[in-house]
C-alpha atoms as a PDB file:
ATOM      1  CA  MET A   1     144.287 132.415 186.772  1.00  0.00           C
ATOM      2  CA  THR A   2     146.722 135.304 187.088  1.00  0.00           C
ATOM      3  CA  ARG A   3     149.772 135.496 184.853  1.00  0.00           C
ATOM      4  CA  LEU A   4     152.109 134.791 187.764  1.00  0.00           C
ATOM      5  CA  ARG A   5     150.158 131.691 188.817  1.00  0.00           C
ATOM      6  CA  ARG A   6     150.053 130.492 185.218  1.00  0.00           C
ATOM      7  CA  LEU A   7     153.818 131.001 184.907  1.00  0.00           C
ATOM      8  CA  VAL A   8     154.458 129.125 188.154  1.00  0.00           C
ATOM      9  CA  ALA A   9     152.126 126.300 187.072  1.00  0.00           C
ATOM     10  CA  VAL A  10     153.868 126.003 183.687  1.00  0.00           C
ATOM     11  CA  LEU A  11     157.356 125.965 185.234  1.00  0.00           C
ATOM     12  CA  VAL A  12     156.456 123.549 188.051  1.00  0.00           C
ATOM     13  CA  SER A  13     154.827 121.219 185.509  1.00  0.00           C
ATOM     14  CA  ALA A  14     157.937 121.401 183.311  1.00  0.00           C
ATOM     15  CA  LEU A  15     160.200 120.717 186.295  1.00  0.00           C
ATOM     16  CA  ILE A  16     158.138 117.683 187.306  1.00  0.00           C
ATOM     17  CA  PHE A  17     158.159 116.421 183.715  1.00  0.00           C
ATOM     18  CA  GLY A  18     161.951 116.688 183.523  1.00  0.00           C
ATOM     19  CA  MET A  19     162.439 114.915 186.837  1.00  0.00           C
ATOM     20  CA  VAL A  20     160.032 112.090 185.961  1.00  0.00           C
ATOM     21  CA  ALA A  21     161.670 111.683 182.524  1.00  0.00           C
ATOM     22  CA  ALA A  22     165.056 111.260 184.239  1.00  0.00           C
ATOM     23  CA  LEU A  23     163.645 108.672 186.627  1.00  0.00           C
ATOM     24  CA  ILE A  24     162.099 106.755 183.716  1.00  0.00           C
ATOM     25  CA  LYS A  25     165.371 106.912 181.790  1.00  0.00           C
ATOM     26  CA  GLY A  26     167.487 105.537 184.589  1.00  0.00           C
ATOM     27  CA  ASP A  27     171.231 105.174 184.068  1.00  0.00           C
ATOM     28  CA  HIS A  28     171.531 102.191 181.721  1.00  0.00           C
ATOM     29  CA  ASP A  29     171.055 101.538 178.000  1.00  0.00           C
ATOM     30  CA  GLY A  30     167.952  99.783 176.754  1.00  0.00           C
ATOM     31  CA  ILE A  31     164.233 100.426 176.587  1.00  0.00           C
ATOM     32  CA  ARG A  32     164.107 102.831 179.541  1.00  0.00           C
ATOM     33  CA  ASP A  33     167.028 104.812 178.125  1.00  0.00           C
ATOM     34  CA  THR A  34     165.337 105.111 174.733  1.00  0.00           C
ATOM     35  CA  ILE A  35     161.996 106.144 176.262  1.00  0.00           C
ATOM     36  CA  GLY A  36     163.734 108.706 178.473  1.00  0.00           C
ATOM     37  CA  ASN A  37     165.539 110.145 175.453  1.00  0.00           C
ATOM     38  CA  LEU A  38     162.510 110.546 173.180  1.00  0.00           C
ATOM     39  CA  SER A  39     162.456 114.084 171.806  1.00  0.00           C
ATOM     40  CA  THR A  40     158.744 114.496 171.166  1.00  0.00           C
ATOM     41  CA  PRO A  41     157.727 114.877 174.834  1.00  0.00           C
ATOM     42  CA  TRP A  42     160.383 117.583 175.234  1.00  0.00           C
ATOM     43  CA  LEU A  43     159.028 119.464 172.238  1.00  0.00           C
ATOM     44  CA  LEU A  44     155.513 119.163 173.641  1.00  0.00           C
ATOM     45  CA  VAL A  45     156.654 120.799 176.900  1.00  0.00           C
ATOM     46  CA  ALA A  46     157.441 123.997 174.992  1.00  0.00           C
ATOM     47  CA  LEU A  47     154.329 123.749 172.813  1.00  0.00           C
ATOM     48  CA  ALA A  48     152.098 123.320 175.875  1.00  0.00           C
ATOM     49  CA  ALA A  49     153.745 126.280 177.572  1.00  0.00           C
ATOM     50  CA  GLY A  50     153.132 128.471 174.533  1.00  0.00           C
ATOM     51  CA  LEU A  51     149.455 127.535 174.503  1.00  0.00           C
ATOM     52  CA  HIS A  52     149.024 129.660 177.641  1.00  0.00           C
ATOM     53  CA  THR A  53     149.326 132.897 175.673  1.00  0.00           C
ATOM     54  CA  ARG A  54     148.347 134.391 172.337  1.00  0.00           C
ATOM     55  CA  SER A  55     151.489 136.521 171.998  1.00  0.00           C
ATOM     56  CA  LEU A  56     154.254 134.985 169.908  1.00  0.00           C
ATOM     57  CA  LEU A  57     156.942 136.669 172.011  1.00  0.00           C
ATOM     58  CA  ARG A  58     155.420 135.500 175.295  1.00  0.00           C
ATOM     59  CA  GLY A  59     154.924 132.046 173.789  1.00  0.00           C
ATOM     60  CA  ALA A  60     158.599 131.913 172.818  1.00  0.00           C
ATOM     61  CA  LEU A  61     159.660 133.070 176.284  1.00  0.00           C
ATOM     62  CA  LEU A  62     157.354 130.586 178.028  1.00  0.00           C
ATOM     63  CA  GLY A  63     158.540 127.819 175.701  1.00  0.00           C
ATOM     64  CA  VAL A  64     162.215 128.406 176.413  1.00  0.00           C
ATOM     65  CA  ALA A  65     161.590 128.881 180.153  1.00  0.00           C
ATOM     66  CA  ALA A  66     159.636 125.615 180.342  1.00  0.00           C
ATOM     67  CA  THR A  67     162.202 123.730 178.269  1.00  0.00           C
ATOM     68  CA  VAL A  68     165.170 124.958 180.308  1.00  0.00           C
ATOM     69  CA  THR A  69     163.325 124.236 183.567  1.00  0.00           C
ATOM     70  CA  ALA A  70     162.479 120.705 182.397  1.00  0.00           C
ATOM     71  CA  LEU A  71     166.067 120.094 181.279  1.00  0.00           C
ATOM     72  CA  LEU A  72     167.459 121.338 184.584  1.00  0.00           C
ATOM     73  CA  GLY A  73     165.053 119.085 186.488  1.00  0.00           C
ATOM     74  CA  PHE A  74     166.122 116.189 184.288  1.00  0.00           C
ATOM     75  CA  TYR A  75     169.839 116.801 184.745  1.00  0.00           C
ATOM     76  CA  VAL A  76     169.576 117.381 188.497  1.00  0.00           C
ATOM     77  CA  ILE A  77     168.042 113.915 188.844  1.00  0.00           C
ATOM     78  CA  VAL A  78     170.646 112.433 186.470  1.00  0.00           C
ATOM     79  CA  ALA A  79     173.429 114.062 188.498  1.00  0.00           C
ATOM     80  CA  VAL A  80     172.036 112.742 191.781  1.00  0.00           C
ATOM     81  CA  THR A  81     171.203 109.208 190.606  1.00  0.00           C
ATOM     82  CA  ALA A  82     173.951 108.472 188.091  1.00  0.00           C
ATOM     83  CA  ASP A  83     176.835 110.891 188.519  1.00  0.00           C
ATOM     84  CA  GLY A  84     177.377 111.238 192.248  1.00  0.00           C
ATOM     85  CA  GLY A  85     175.752 114.674 192.432  1.00  0.00           C
ATOM     86  CA  HIS A  86     178.118 116.376 189.970  1.00  0.00           C
ATOM     87  CA  LEU A  87     175.600 118.645 188.232  1.00  0.00           C
ATOM     88  CA  GLU A  88     178.253 120.815 186.563  1.00  0.00           C
ATOM     89  CA  HIS A  89     179.794 117.719 184.956  1.00  0.00           C
ATOM     90  CA  VAL A  90     176.392 116.476 183.750  1.00  0.00           C
ATOM     91  CA  LEU A  91     175.478 119.877 182.302  1.00  0.00           C
ATOM     92  CA  ARG A  92     178.831 120.176 180.534  1.00  0.00           C
ATOM     93  CA  ASP A  93     178.508 116.679 179.037  1.00  0.00           C
ATOM     94  CA  ASN A  94     174.982 117.419 177.824  1.00  0.00           C
ATOM     95  CA  ARG A  95     175.415 120.963 176.572  1.00  0.00           C
ATOM     96  CA  THR A  96     174.348 119.921 173.058  1.00  0.00           C
ATOM     97  CA  TRP A  97     170.877 119.107 174.396  1.00  0.00           C
ATOM     98  CA  LEU A  98     170.776 122.280 176.474  1.00  0.00           C
ATOM     99  CA  PHE A  99     171.616 124.365 173.396  1.00  0.00           C
ATOM    100  CA  SER A 100     169.047 122.393 171.387  1.00  0.00           C
ATOM    101  CA  GLY A 101     166.449 123.319 174.007  1.00  0.00           C
ATOM    102  CA  LEU A 102     167.401 126.968 173.634  1.00  0.00           C
ATOM    103  CA  LEU A 103     166.417 126.626 169.981  1.00  0.00           C
ATOM    104  CA  SER A 104     163.405 124.296 170.163  1.00  0.00           C
ATOM    105  CA  GLY A 105     161.866 125.914 173.257  1.00  0.00           C
ATOM    106  CA  PRO A 106     161.156 129.336 171.782  1.00  0.00           C
ATOM    107  CA  VAL A 107     160.194 127.939 168.367  1.00  0.00           C
ATOM    108  CA  LEU A 108     157.638 125.479 169.769  1.00  0.00           C
ATOM    109  CA  GLY A 109     156.488 127.950 172.412  1.00  0.00           C
ATOM    110  CA  ALA A 110     155.804 130.595 169.772  1.00  0.00           C
ATOM    111  CA  PHE A 111     154.055 127.968 167.652  1.00  0.00           C
ATOM    112  CA  GLY A 112     151.835 127.092 170.631  1.00  0.00           C
ATOM    113  CA  ALA A 113     150.912 130.773 170.987  1.00  0.00           C
ATOM    114  CA  PHE A 114     150.274 130.935 167.235  1.00  0.00           C
ATOM    115  CA  LEU A 115     147.896 127.965 167.487  1.00  0.00           C
ATOM    116  CA  GLN A 116     146.154 129.567 170.460  1.00  0.00           C
ATOM    117  CA  ARG A 117     145.646 132.749 168.448  1.00  0.00           C
ATOM    118  CA  ARG A 118     144.892 131.401 164.958  1.00  0.00           C
ATOM    119  CA  ALA A 119     143.615 127.813 165.090  1.00  0.00           C
ATOM    120  CA  PRO A 120     139.826 127.572 164.778  1.00  0.00           C
ATOM    121  CA  ASP A 121     139.908 124.414 166.926  1.00  0.00           C
ATOM    122  CA  VAL A 122     142.939 124.504 169.237  1.00  0.00           C
ATOM    123  CA  PRO A 123     142.559 120.959 170.672  1.00  0.00           C
ATOM    124  CA  LEU A 124     142.287 119.553 167.146  1.00  0.00           C
ATOM    125  CA  ALA A 125     145.358 121.497 166.009  1.00  0.00           C
ATOM    126  CA  VAL A 126     147.381 120.379 169.036  1.00  0.00           C
ATOM    127  CA  THR A 127     146.323 116.765 168.471  1.00  0.00           C
ATOM    128  CA  ALA A 128     147.434 116.944 164.827  1.00  0.00           C
ATOM    129  CA  VAL A 129     150.776 118.568 165.723  1.00  0.00           C
ATOM    130  CA  THR A 130     151.365 115.930 168.405  1.00  0.00           C
ATOM    131  CA  GLY A 131     150.691 113.146 165.910  1.00  0.00           C
ATOM    132  CA  LEU A 132     153.077 114.680 163.389  1.00  0.00           C
ATOM    133  CA  LEU A 133     155.839 115.091 165.968  1.00  0.00           C
ATOM    134  CA  LEU A 134     155.415 111.465 167.039  1.00  0.00           C
ATOM    135  CA  ILE A 135     155.752 110.345 163.425  1.00  0.00           C
ATOM    136  CA  PHE A 136     158.636 112.651 162.466  1.00  0.00           C
ATOM    137  CA  GLU A 137     160.965 111.753 165.339  1.00  0.00           C
ATOM    138  CA  PRO A 138     161.460 108.136 164.194  1.00  0.00           C
ATOM    139  CA  LEU A 139     162.025 109.400 160.653  1.00  0.00           C
ATOM    140  CA  VAL A 140     164.757 111.753 161.890  1.00  0.00           C
ATOM    141  CA  ILE A 141     166.336 108.949 163.930  1.00  0.00           C
ATOM    142  CA  TYR A 142     166.322 106.687 160.869  1.00  0.00           C
ATOM    143  CA  ALA A 143     167.705 109.473 158.683  1.00  0.00           C
ATOM    144  CA  ALA A 144     170.542 109.933 161.167  1.00  0.00           C
ATOM    145  CA  ARG A 145     171.757 106.487 160.248  1.00  0.00           C
ATOM    146  CA  ILE A 146     171.849 107.138 156.491  1.00  0.00           C
ATOM    147  CA  VAL A 147     172.461 110.887 156.021  1.00  0.00           C
ATOM    148  CA  PRO A 148     176.184 111.693 156.017  1.00  0.00           C
ATOM    149  CA  GLY A 149     177.222 113.663 159.089  1.00  0.00           C
ATOM    150  CA  TRP A 150     174.046 113.011 161.092  1.00  0.00           C
ATOM    151  CA  ARG A 151     175.365 109.856 162.749  1.00  0.00           C
ATOM    152  CA  GLU A 152     177.690 112.016 164.861  1.00  0.00           C
ATOM    153  CA  VAL A 153     174.715 114.035 166.134  1.00  0.00           C
ATOM    154  CA  ILE A 154     172.519 111.095 167.107  1.00  0.00           C
ATOM    155  CA  HIS A 155     174.909 108.456 168.359  1.00  0.00           C
ATOM    156  CA  TRP A 156     173.456 106.665 171.379  1.00  0.00           C
ATOM    157  CA  HIS A 157     172.291 103.052 171.362  1.00  0.00           C
ATOM    158  CA  LEU A 158     168.642 102.974 170.398  1.00  0.00           C
ATOM    159  CA  THR A 159     165.876 100.434 170.826  1.00  0.00           C
ATOM    160  CA  PRO A 160     164.089 100.429 167.426  1.00  0.00           C
ATOM    161  CA  ALA A 161     160.839  98.967 168.792  1.00  0.00           C
ATOM    162  CA  ILE A 162     160.255 102.129 170.824  1.00  0.00           C
ATOM    163  CA  TYR A 163     160.511 104.289 167.707  1.00  0.00           C
ATOM    164  CA  ILE A 164     158.197 101.983 165.767  1.00  0.00           C
ATOM    165  CA  ALA A 165     155.696 102.213 168.625  1.00  0.00           C
ATOM    166  CA  GLU A 166     156.111 106.002 168.667  1.00  0.00           C
ATOM    167  CA  ALA A 167     155.387 106.229 164.929  1.00  0.00           C
ATOM    168  CA  LEU A 168     152.339 103.981 165.279  1.00  0.00           C
ATOM    169  CA  LEU A 169     151.092 106.095 168.174  1.00  0.00           C
ATOM    170  CA  GLY A 170     151.590 109.166 165.981  1.00  0.00           C
ATOM    171  CA  CYS A 171     149.503 107.562 163.241  1.00  0.00           C
ATOM    172  CA  ALA A 172     146.758 106.771 165.765  1.00  0.00           C
ATOM    173  CA  VAL A 173     146.813 110.348 167.101  1.00  0.00           C
ATOM    174  CA  LEU A 174     146.622 111.739 163.560  1.00  0.00           C
ATOM    175  CA  ALA A 175     143.718 109.387 162.784  1.00  0.00           C
ATOM    176  CA  LEU A 176     141.977 110.694 165.898  1.00  0.00           C
ATOM    177  CA  ALA A 177     142.496 114.279 164.714  1.00  0.00           C
ATOM    178  CA  TRP A 178     141.279 113.428 161.226  1.00  0.00           C
ATOM    179  CA  ARG A 179     138.194 111.688 162.634  1.00  0.00           C
ATOM    180  CA  ARG A 180     137.412 114.669 164.856  1.00  0.00           C
ATOM    181  CA  ALA A 181     137.874 117.077 161.944  1.00  0.00           C
ATOM    182  CA  ARG A 182     135.497 115.045 159.772  1.00  0.00           C
ATOM    183  CA  SER A 183     132.862 114.943 162.501  1.00  0.00           C
ATOM    184  CA  ARG A 184     132.783 118.762 162.699  1.00  0.00           C
END
């Protein structure tokens, strides 16, 4: 696959992810809102993009491009379905998450490129990283409730069962990685 086709495939996939995430989220609180606001899938968008190259710089650029594309797809759907088509208003209200994507996108994209270049078993490494991300997000959410100053950062109404399920899924994914590593 040529570089241009790979870039288009990565960006179209990210756009579709963002749009589907917005449709899952909907415009109400509750389970769908919590699922739509999970951070781990967003981090995996950048990681997956970075896996398409072995260059850290290209990985960072692909990661940020995929993250921004996914976020724009997400917020276009949110604007159309929940805010009467006012994209500028939606983007302004969610600038914290856009800026967060400008940080997480290149970091996870570069990490994906690093794994592609250095990991002896890339699928195993990606599985382990995915499991860890699934486990760490609920820990960060819980910490936000007890660490002074964090409550202002993470302030929406959350459905705890989703985060428990996410952590359990992370444990299962890590067990899968561990089992695969032992069978090598």
